[in-house]
Amino acid sequence: MSLEHLSHAHIVGGDGRLESVTEEAAGGMLVLAATPIGNIADASPRLLTELRTADVIAAEDTRRLSRLLHRLGIDTDARVVSYFEGNEARRTSALIAELAAGRRVTLVTDAGMPSVSDPGYRLVAAAIEQGFPVTAVPGPSAVLAALAVSGLPVDRFCFEGFLPRRGGERARRLAELVSEVRTMVFFEAPHRTATTLTALSDCFGGDRRAALCRELTKTYEEVRRGTLAELVEWAAAGQVRGEITLVVAGAARAGDLSAALAEVHDLVSSGMQIRPAVARVARVHALPKNLLYDQALQRDRSFGDQRSSSS
């Protein structure tokens, strides 16, 4: 019996509705395997095992997979098939047929975890719907790496992926996020980074703190931290290169602002000038300096004497 007939007999009922898989198909498993985002040494021992023992490897780019296997020194007997945005819908049914035949299907993308801004969601959803087990091989993640090194609050965050390319659509998406209090993570292509930073600055304000992470884990890794206005200036000064992950502080929360104002008050009361006090506290709380400065002056009018004497 061919895989196509096996898939039809065990997955699709006579009325066209999906049915549970049979015991014959229960051995199949979908494995989402995270691959290095730059440094090959980040490949986990479990990743190596999965690549060696998979029955089928579905790869976003089969040529990149070949290079990865070569660099890892791995030989595999797995059947390798392509699985990318252009053939994702069509290839999903064929991979479900492989699972129905009891095979172990390992999905890898060019870098990082499959389905996170990469192909994979359709296959995961189809496998779950039809009763096949799905597991993941954790590993490198540009999202988590960028958050960790950003210096911004990471107790709560959201991943926004790539912003729309068209200016109007991008502006509407950012307008939806202007009041988002969680730290935000974006992916961006290097040739659009300056435009995206300008759009972020225009919408969120130039004082919003952010970090631009470039070539994470690679030889020329670089992290630029500052305000959006400062990052716009840096990006405009030269050509941005490499894989880009942007981390942007969320909007100020009322509780954060109150605590920050109290800290500014304590620092100024102990003898520090208001501007350096605001700069220090704003950096710690990832708050816009201008907002904190204005609020501090409104809260304690005596600070106005410092403003007059320092201007």
Foldseek 3Di string as FASTA:
>chain_A
DDLVVLLCVAFADPVRDGDAGDPQLQLEEEEWEAAAPADNVQHDPVNLVCQAPFQEEEEQDVVLVVVSCVVVVHDHPHHYHYDFPVCPVVCLSVVVSCSSNNGYYYYYYNHGTDPPLTPDPVNVVVCVVRPHHYYYHHTDDPQVVCVVPQLADQPFEDEDEAADPDPVSNLVVVLVQLQPQHKYKYWDAQVCVLVNLVSNCVRNNQQQKKKKWFSPPHPPTDIDTGGSVVVNVVCVVDRGDHTIMMITGGADDPVLLVVLLVQLVVVVVVPDQNLVSLVVSCSNNSYRSVVSSVVNCVVPVVSVVSVVVVD
